[in-house]
Structure formats: C-alpha cells, structure tokens
Amino acid sequence: MRAKMNIAVIGCGRFSRFFIELFKLHPDVGQVYVCDLIKSREEEFCKMFGVPAVESFEAALKDNSINAVAIFTQRETHGPLVIK
C-alpha cells in the first residue's frame, strides 16, 4: 500500500473550492488542509468541506506531515510563495 499525500490548499477563494473536493476524492490523498489570510473565509471552507485549517502558509511548509501545497492565491503572490 502506498503512502497517501497530505495537501494544504493555500487561498480559500472561488477557484480553490473546485479543487478541494477533487483532492479529497483522489485515492492517493490522505488529508486536505486549507489556509487563508482572511480567517472567516478559512473557517467557512473548513465547515463547507469538512477539512482542518493550517495556521499559515509558513506553518504548512514547516509541517512534515504536509507533502504539498496548492497555491490558489492572487496571481501576483504566486512567485514569492513558490520561492519560499
């Protein structure tokens, strides 16, 4: 049996909502987390999709149980986040 991947979705906006369910349904994904600078939006996604939140983008990078981040933030923030 292969190990499952845990993914943190960074940015809880209109586009990311379509991917959370897809990630949850994927047989190789164990856990999906969400994170947003606007905590009320993050909490809404946690309830809507039944997933936990990760405190911040930086916390997701430091968490050894998270294998990948999916960046769904404003496009001007993609470069700096990818570099981190």
C-alpha atoms as a PDB file:
ATOM      1  CA  MET A   1       0.000   0.000   0.000  1.00  0.00           C
ATOM      2  CA  ARG A   2       1.336   3.407  -0.999  1.00  0.00           C
ATOM      3  CA  ALA A   3       1.581   6.243   1.493  1.00  0.00           C
ATOM      4  CA  LYS A   4      -1.052   8.911   0.994  1.00  0.00           C
ATOM      5  CA  MET A   5      -0.170  12.524   0.321  1.00  0.00           C
ATOM      6  CA  ASN A   6      -1.422  15.384   2.508  1.00  0.00           C
ATOM      7  CA  ILE A   7      -2.101  18.676   0.731  1.00  0.00           C
ATOM      8  CA  ALA A   8      -2.527  22.216   2.063  1.00  0.00           C
ATOM      9  CA  VAL A   9      -4.694  24.430  -0.127  1.00  0.00           C
ATOM     10  CA  ILE A  10      -3.439  27.983   0.240  1.00  0.00           C
ATOM     11  CA  GLY A  11      -6.169  30.512  -0.511  1.00  0.00           C
ATOM     12  CA  CYS A  12      -9.883  29.942   0.046  1.00  0.00           C
ATOM     13  CA  GLY A  13     -11.377  31.694  -2.940  1.00  0.00           C
ATOM     14  CA  ARG A  14     -13.680  30.952  -5.831  1.00  0.00           C
ATOM     15  CA  PHE A  15     -11.182  28.850  -7.775  1.00  0.00           C
ATOM     16  CA  SER A  16      -9.816  26.690  -4.948  1.00  0.00           C
ATOM     17  CA  ARG A  17     -13.260  25.449  -3.918  1.00  0.00           C
ATOM     18  CA  PHE A  18     -13.386  23.254  -7.038  1.00  0.00           C
ATOM     19  CA  PHE A  19     -10.091  21.571  -6.226  1.00  0.00           C
ATOM     20  CA  ILE A  20     -10.685  20.748  -2.563  1.00  0.00           C
ATOM     21  CA  GLU A  21     -13.324  18.146  -3.352  1.00  0.00           C
ATOM     22  CA  LEU A  22     -11.177  16.718  -6.171  1.00  0.00           C
ATOM     23  CA  PHE A  23      -8.193  16.387  -3.837  1.00  0.00           C
ATOM     24  CA  LYS A  24     -10.385  14.753  -1.170  1.00  0.00           C
ATOM     25  CA  LEU A  25     -11.661  12.188  -3.661  1.00  0.00           C
ATOM     26  CA  HIS A  26      -8.239  11.268  -5.020  1.00  0.00           C
ATOM     27  CA  PRO A  27      -7.175   7.814  -3.804  1.00  0.00           C
ATOM     28  CA  ASP A  28      -3.603   8.952  -3.146  1.00  0.00           C
ATOM     29  CA  VAL A  29      -4.606  11.901  -0.927  1.00  0.00           C
ATOM     30  CA  GLY A  30      -4.990  11.326   2.788  1.00  0.00           C
ATOM     31  CA  GLN A  31      -5.782  14.763   4.208  1.00  0.00           C
ATOM     32  CA  VAL A  32      -6.554  18.156   2.738  1.00  0.00           C
ATOM     33  CA  TYR A  33      -5.946  21.302   4.777  1.00  0.00           C
ATOM     34  CA  VAL A  34      -6.967  24.872   3.998  1.00  0.00           C
ATOM     35  CA  CYS A  35      -5.382  28.211   4.803  1.00  0.00           C
ATOM     36  CA  ASP A  36      -6.373  31.812   4.094  1.00  0.00           C
ATOM     37  CA  LEU A  37      -5.300  35.206   5.401  1.00  0.00           C
ATOM     38  CA  ILE A  38      -8.986  36.009   5.908  1.00  0.00           C
ATOM     39  CA  LYS A  39      -9.752  33.659   8.786  1.00  0.00           C
ATOM     40  CA  SER A  40     -13.547  33.896   8.400  1.00  0.00           C
ATOM     41  CA  ARG A  41     -13.203  32.590   4.846  1.00  0.00           C
ATOM     42  CA  GLU A  42     -10.882  29.826   6.055  1.00  0.00           C
ATOM     43  CA  GLU A  43     -13.400  28.813   8.740  1.00  0.00           C
ATOM     44  CA  GLU A  44     -16.183  28.772   6.138  1.00  0.00           C
ATOM     45  CA  PHE A  45     -14.159  26.381   3.966  1.00  0.00           C
ATOM     46  CA  CYS A  46     -13.363  24.158   6.961  1.00  0.00           C
ATOM     47  CA  LYS A  47     -17.074  23.772   7.652  1.00  0.00           C
ATOM     48  CA  MET A  48     -18.134  23.554   3.995  1.00  0.00           C
ATOM     49  CA  PHE A  49     -15.629  20.843   3.056  1.00  0.00           C
ATOM     50  CA  GLY A  50     -15.058  19.121   6.405  1.00  0.00           C
ATOM     51  CA  VAL A  51     -11.327  19.789   6.419  1.00  0.00           C
ATOM     52  CA  PRO A  52      -8.973  21.232   9.038  1.00  0.00           C
ATOM     53  CA  ALA A  53      -7.102  24.504   8.748  1.00  0.00           C
ATOM     54  CA  VAL A  54      -3.380  25.010   8.886  1.00  0.00           C
ATOM     55  CA  GLU A  55      -2.352  28.172  10.734  1.00  0.00           C
ATOM     56  CA  SER A  56      -0.392  29.813   7.919  1.00  0.00           C
ATOM     57  CA  PHE A  57       1.475  29.203   4.689  1.00  0.00           C
ATOM     58  CA  GLU A  58       4.723  29.141   6.654  1.00  0.00           C
ATOM     59  CA  ALA A  59       3.250  26.609   9.102  1.00  0.00           C
ATOM     60  CA  ALA A  60       2.248  24.389   6.165  1.00  0.00           C
ATOM     61  CA  LEU A  61       5.832  24.477   4.864  1.00  0.00           C
ATOM     62  CA  LYS A  62       7.219  23.515   8.276  1.00  0.00           C
ATOM     63  CA  ASP A  63       4.701  20.721   8.922  1.00  0.00           C
ATOM     64  CA  ASN A  64       6.381  17.428   7.992  1.00  0.00           C
ATOM     65  CA  SER A  65       3.005  15.715   7.610  1.00  0.00           C
ATOM     66  CA  ILE A  66       2.067  18.049   4.726  1.00  0.00           C
ATOM     67  CA  ASN A  67       3.623  16.823   1.494  1.00  0.00           C
ATOM     68  CA  ALA A  68       2.461  19.511  -0.924  1.00  0.00           C
ATOM     69  CA  VAL A  69       0.905  22.944  -1.079  1.00  0.00           C
ATOM     70  CA  ALA A  70      -1.534  24.028  -3.762  1.00  0.00           C
ATOM     71  CA  ILE A  71      -1.370  27.788  -4.212  1.00  0.00           C
ATOM     72  CA  PHE A  72      -4.709  29.419  -5.045  1.00  0.00           C
ATOM     73  CA  THR A  73      -3.928  32.987  -4.017  1.00  0.00           C
ATOM     74  CA  GLN A  74      -3.975  36.162  -6.088  1.00  0.00           C
ATOM     75  CA  ARG A  75      -1.671  35.689  -9.061  1.00  0.00           C
ATOM     76  CA  GLU A  76       0.763  38.435  -8.015  1.00  0.00           C
ATOM     77  CA  THR A  77       1.551  36.447  -4.859  1.00  0.00           C
ATOM     78  CA  HIS A  78       2.361  33.172  -6.633  1.00  0.00           C
ATOM     79  CA  GLY A  79       6.030  33.931  -7.336  1.00  0.00           C
ATOM     80  CA  PRO A  80       7.002  34.924  -3.782  1.00  0.00           C
ATOM     81  CA  LEU A  81       5.083  31.966  -2.308  1.00  0.00           C
ATOM     82  CA  VAL A  82       6.680  29.477  -4.685  1.00  0.00           C
ATOM     83  CA  ILE A  83      10.141  30.824  -3.884  1.00  0.00           C
ATOM     84  CA  LYS A  84       9.512  30.225  -0.147  1.00  0.00           C
END
